[in-house]
């Protein structure tokens, strides 16, 4: 209390400001922790999906055998189309 006026003193204002800043910092860090764990490298690549679709079409038309399809599909899955844009999160 600030004397007899009944208003909080400067110490209470400091506590409220620090408490508010700590609350918003905790909210920010919690949201960041939730979203930083998401791995975007596992998202579907349009080029890889296109290649898989073309292989499926060739198999359906009889241009390649099932064994060739499985071999080419395994090869296309083993070779990344493009390197990840950033290193994985540790």
N, C-alpha and C. Protein backbone atom coordinates (compact mmCIF):
# COMPACT_ATOMS: atom_id res chain seq x y z
N UNK A 1 0.84 -1.18 0.00
CA UNK A 1 0.00 0.00 0.00
C UNK A 1 0.87 1.23 0.00
N UNK A 2 0.41 2.24 -0.67
CA UNK A 2 1.14 3.48 -0.79
C UNK A 2 0.60 4.46 0.25
N UNK A 3 1.09 4.32 1.41
CA UNK A 3 0.65 5.21 2.48
C UNK A 3 -0.81 4.95 2.82
N UNK A 4 -1.60 5.98 2.94
CA UNK A 4 -2.99 5.88 3.37
C UNK A 4 -3.96 5.93 2.18
N UNK A 5 -3.48 6.07 0.93
CA UNK A 5 -4.38 6.26 -0.20
C UNK A 5 -5.10 4.98 -0.63
N UNK A 6 -4.60 3.81 -0.27
CA UNK A 6 -5.24 2.57 -0.63
C UNK A 6 -4.84 2.06 -2.01
N UNK A 7 -3.93 2.73 -2.71
CA UNK A 7 -3.47 2.29 -4.03
C UNK A 7 -2.21 1.46 -3.88
N UNK A 8 -2.01 0.48 -4.78
CA UNK A 8 -0.77 -0.31 -4.68
C UNK A 8 0.46 0.54 -4.99
N UNK A 9 1.55 0.19 -4.36
CA UNK A 9 2.79 0.92 -4.57
C UNK A 9 3.50 0.49 -5.85
N UNK A 10 4.66 1.06 -6.09
CA UNK A 10 5.40 0.76 -7.32
C UNK A 10 5.84 -0.69 -7.38
N UNK A 11 6.06 -1.31 -6.24
CA UNK A 11 6.46 -2.71 -6.21
C UNK A 11 5.41 -3.63 -6.80
N UNK A 12 4.14 -3.32 -6.54
CA UNK A 12 3.06 -4.13 -7.10
C UNK A 12 3.02 -3.98 -8.62
N UNK A 13 3.28 -2.81 -9.15
CA UNK A 13 3.30 -2.61 -10.60
C UNK A 13 4.43 -3.41 -11.25
N UNK A 14 5.57 -3.44 -10.59
CA UNK A 14 6.69 -4.22 -11.11
C UNK A 14 6.33 -5.70 -11.14
N UNK A 15 5.70 -6.19 -10.09
CA UNK A 15 5.30 -7.59 -10.03
C UNK A 15 4.29 -7.90 -11.14
N UNK A 16 3.34 -7.02 -11.38
CA UNK A 16 2.34 -7.25 -12.42
C UNK A 16 2.97 -7.24 -13.81
N UNK A 17 3.89 -6.33 -14.06
CA UNK A 17 4.54 -6.26 -15.38
C UNK A 17 5.39 -7.51 -15.62
N UNK A 18 6.18 -7.89 -14.63
CA UNK A 18 7.03 -9.08 -14.76
C UNK A 18 6.16 -10.33 -14.90
N UNK A 19 5.10 -10.42 -14.14
CA UNK A 19 4.20 -11.57 -14.22
C UNK A 19 3.53 -11.68 -15.58
N UNK A 20 3.09 -10.56 -16.12
CA UNK A 20 2.47 -10.56 -17.44
C UNK A 20 3.47 -10.96 -18.51
N UNK A 21 4.68 -10.44 -18.44
CA UNK A 21 5.72 -10.79 -19.42
C UNK A 21 6.05 -12.29 -19.31
N UNK A 22 6.13 -12.82 -18.10
CA UNK A 22 6.43 -14.24 -17.92
C UNK A 22 5.29 -15.10 -18.47
N UNK A 23 4.05 -14.68 -18.26
CA UNK A 23 2.91 -15.43 -18.79
C UNK A 23 2.97 -15.50 -20.31
N UNK A 24 3.18 -14.36 -20.99
CA UNK A 24 3.20 -14.37 -22.46
C UNK A 24 4.43 -15.09 -23.00
N UNK A 25 5.54 -15.04 -22.28
CA UNK A 25 6.71 -15.81 -22.70
C UNK A 25 6.42 -17.31 -22.61
N UNK A 26 5.72 -17.74 -21.57
CA UNK A 26 5.37 -19.15 -21.42
C UNK A 26 4.41 -19.59 -22.53
N UNK A 27 3.44 -18.73 -22.88
CA UNK A 27 2.52 -19.06 -23.97
C UNK A 27 3.29 -19.19 -25.28
N UNK A 28 4.17 -18.23 -25.55
CA UNK A 28 4.97 -18.26 -26.79
C UNK A 28 5.82 -19.52 -26.86
N UNK A 29 6.50 -19.86 -25.78
CA UNK A 29 7.35 -21.05 -25.77
C UNK A 29 6.55 -22.33 -25.91
N UNK A 30 5.36 -22.38 -25.33
CA UNK A 30 4.53 -23.58 -25.45
C UNK A 30 4.07 -23.77 -26.90
N UNK A 31 3.64 -22.70 -27.55
CA UNK A 31 3.21 -22.79 -28.94
C UNK A 31 4.39 -23.17 -29.82
N UNK A 32 5.52 -22.57 -29.57
CA UNK A 32 6.72 -22.88 -30.35
C UNK A 32 7.13 -24.34 -30.19
N UNK A 33 7.04 -24.86 -28.97
CA UNK A 33 7.40 -26.25 -28.72
C UNK A 33 6.44 -27.21 -29.43
N UNK A 34 5.18 -26.84 -29.50
CA UNK A 34 4.20 -27.68 -30.18
C UNK A 34 4.46 -27.74 -31.69
N UNK A 35 4.82 -26.63 -32.28
CA UNK A 35 4.98 -26.58 -33.73
C UNK A 35 6.39 -26.89 -34.20
N UNK A 36 7.38 -26.78 -33.35
CA UNK A 36 8.74 -27.06 -33.79
C UNK A 36 8.99 -28.56 -33.94
N UNK A 37 8.19 -29.39 -33.33
CA UNK A 37 8.34 -30.83 -33.43
C UNK A 37 7.81 -31.39 -34.74
N UNK A 38 7.09 -30.59 -35.49
CA UNK A 38 6.53 -31.07 -36.75
C UNK A 38 7.63 -31.15 -37.79
N UNK A 39 7.67 -32.29 -38.46
CA UNK A 39 8.70 -32.51 -39.47
C UNK A 39 8.10 -32.30 -40.84
N UNK A 40 8.55 -31.27 -41.53
CA UNK A 40 8.01 -31.00 -42.85
C UNK A 40 8.72 -31.81 -43.92
N UNK A 41 9.82 -32.48 -43.57
CA UNK A 41 10.52 -33.29 -44.56
C UNK A 41 9.70 -34.51 -44.95
N UNK A 42 8.79 -34.95 -44.08
CA UNK A 42 7.97 -36.10 -44.39
C UNK A 42 6.73 -35.78 -45.20
N UNK A 43 6.53 -34.51 -45.50
CA UNK A 43 5.35 -34.15 -46.27
C UNK A 43 5.48 -34.65 -47.70
N UNK A 44 4.35 -34.95 -48.34
CA UNK A 44 4.41 -35.51 -49.69
C UNK A 44 5.02 -34.53 -50.67
N UNK A 45 5.88 -35.06 -51.51
CA UNK A 45 6.54 -34.25 -52.52
C UNK A 45 5.75 -34.39 -53.81
N UNK A 46 5.32 -33.30 -54.43
CA UNK A 46 4.52 -33.40 -55.65
C UNK A 46 5.25 -34.12 -56.78
N UNK A 47 6.56 -33.95 -56.87
CA UNK A 47 7.31 -34.62 -57.93
C UNK A 47 7.35 -36.13 -57.70
N UNK A 48 7.51 -36.54 -56.45
CA UNK A 48 7.52 -37.98 -56.15
C UNK A 48 6.14 -38.58 -56.39
N UNK A 49 5.09 -37.85 -56.04
CA UNK A 49 3.73 -38.34 -56.27
C UNK A 49 3.47 -38.46 -57.77
N UNK A 50 3.95 -37.50 -58.53
CA UNK A 50 3.78 -37.54 -59.98
C UNK A 50 4.48 -38.76 -60.56
N UNK A 51 5.71 -39.03 -60.11
CA UNK A 51 6.46 -40.19 -60.61
C UNK A 51 5.75 -41.49 -60.26
N UNK A 52 5.21 -41.58 -59.05
CA UNK A 52 4.50 -42.79 -58.65
C UNK A 52 3.23 -42.97 -59.49
N UNK A 53 2.55 -41.88 -59.78
CA UNK A 53 1.35 -41.96 -60.62
C UNK A 53 1.70 -42.45 -62.02
N UNK A 54 2.79 -41.94 -62.57
CA UNK A 54 3.19 -42.36 -63.92
C UNK A 54 3.56 -43.85 -63.94
N UNK A 55 4.24 -44.30 -62.89
CA UNK A 55 4.58 -45.73 -62.82
C UNK A 55 3.31 -46.58 -62.76
N UNK A 56 2.34 -46.14 -61.96
CA UNK A 56 1.08 -46.87 -61.87
C UNK A 56 0.35 -46.92 -63.20
N UNK A 57 0.38 -45.81 -63.92
CA UNK A 57 -0.26 -45.78 -65.24
C UNK A 57 0.44 -46.73 -66.22
N UNK A 58 1.77 -46.75 -66.18
CA UNK A 58 2.52 -47.65 -67.07
C UNK A 58 2.21 -49.11 -66.75
N UNK A 59 2.09 -49.41 -65.45
CA UNK A 59 1.74 -50.77 -65.05
C UNK A 59 0.33 -51.12 -65.54
N UNK A 60 -0.60 -50.19 -65.39
CA UNK A 60 -1.98 -50.44 -65.81
C UNK A 60 -2.07 -50.65 -67.33
N UNK A 61 -1.27 -49.94 -68.09
CA UNK A 61 -1.29 -50.10 -69.55
C UNK A 61 -0.53 -51.34 -70.01
N UNK A 62 0.20 -51.97 -69.10
CA UNK A 62 0.95 -53.17 -69.46
C UNK A 62 2.32 -52.87 -70.05
N UNK A 63 2.80 -51.64 -69.92
CA UNK A 63 4.11 -51.28 -70.45
C UNK A 63 5.24 -51.87 -69.61
N UNK A 64 4.97 -52.08 -68.32
CA UNK A 64 5.97 -52.67 -67.43
C UNK A 64 5.32 -53.79 -66.65
N UNK A 65 6.15 -54.71 -66.15
CA UNK A 65 5.63 -55.82 -65.35
C UNK A 65 5.54 -55.40 -63.88
N UNK A 66 4.90 -56.24 -63.10
CA UNK A 66 4.78 -55.96 -61.67
C UNK A 66 6.17 -55.90 -61.03
N UNK A 67 7.07 -56.79 -61.44
CA UNK A 67 8.42 -56.80 -60.89
C UNK A 67 9.15 -55.49 -61.24
N UNK A 68 8.99 -55.04 -62.49
CA UNK A 68 9.63 -53.77 -62.89
C UNK A 68 9.03 -52.61 -62.10
N UNK A 69 7.71 -52.64 -61.92
CA UNK A 69 7.04 -51.60 -61.15
C UNK A 69 7.58 -51.54 -59.73
N UNK A 70 7.67 -52.71 -59.07
CA UNK A 70 8.16 -52.75 -57.69
C UNK A 70 9.60 -52.28 -57.61
N UNK A 71 10.41 -52.69 -58.58
CA UNK A 71 11.81 -52.27 -58.59
C UNK A 71 11.92 -50.75 -58.78
N UNK A 72 11.21 -50.21 -59.77
CA UNK A 72 11.29 -48.77 -60.03
C UNK A 72 10.70 -47.96 -58.88
N UNK A 73 9.65 -48.46 -58.27
CA UNK A 73 9.05 -47.75 -57.14
C UNK A 73 10.02 -47.72 -55.96
N UNK A 74 10.69 -48.85 -55.70
CA UNK A 74 11.67 -48.89 -54.61
C UNK A 74 12.84 -47.97 -54.90
N UNK A 75 13.27 -47.93 -56.14
CA UNK A 75 14.37 -47.03 -56.51
C UNK A 75 13.97 -45.57 -56.35
N UNK A 76 12.76 -45.22 -56.77
CA UNK A 76 12.33 -43.81 -56.66
C UNK A 76 12.12 -43.41 -55.21
N UNK A 77 11.70 -44.37 -54.36
CA UNK A 77 11.54 -44.06 -52.93
C UNK A 77 12.88 -43.93 -52.23
N UNK A 78 13.90 -44.64 -52.72
CA UNK A 78 15.21 -44.62 -52.07
C UNK A 78 15.99 -43.36 -52.39
N UNK A 79 15.75 -42.77 -53.53
CA UNK A 79 16.49 -41.58 -53.95
C UNK A 79 15.64 -40.35 -53.69
N UNK A 80 16.10 -39.45 -52.81
CA UNK A 80 15.31 -38.25 -52.57
C UNK A 80 15.29 -37.36 -53.81
N UNK A 81 14.15 -36.77 -54.08
CA UNK A 81 14.01 -35.91 -55.25
C UNK A 81 14.80 -34.63 -55.05
N UNK A 82 14.69 -34.05 -53.86
CA UNK A 82 15.47 -32.86 -53.54
C UNK A 82 15.87 -32.92 -52.07
N UNK A 83 17.01 -32.36 -51.73
CA UNK A 83 17.45 -32.43 -50.34
C UNK A 83 16.54 -31.60 -49.45
N UNK A 84 16.46 -31.94 -48.16
CA UNK A 84 15.64 -31.15 -47.25
C UNK A 84 16.13 -29.72 -47.19
N UNK A 85 15.21 -28.80 -46.99
CA UNK A 85 15.57 -27.38 -46.97
C UNK A 85 16.31 -26.99 -45.70
N UNK A 86 16.13 -27.76 -44.63
CA UNK A 86 16.84 -27.46 -43.38
C UNK A 86 17.16 -28.76 -42.67
N UNK A 87 18.16 -28.75 -41.82
CA UNK A 87 18.50 -29.98 -41.11
C UNK A 87 17.38 -30.35 -40.16
N UNK A 88 17.21 -31.63 -39.85
CA UNK A 88 16.14 -32.05 -38.94
C UNK A 88 16.34 -31.46 -37.56
N UNK A 89 15.23 -31.24 -36.89
CA UNK A 89 15.24 -30.69 -35.53
C UNK A 89 15.78 -31.72 -34.55
N UNK A 90 16.65 -31.30 -33.69
CA UNK A 90 17.21 -32.21 -32.67
C UNK A 90 16.68 -31.87 -31.32
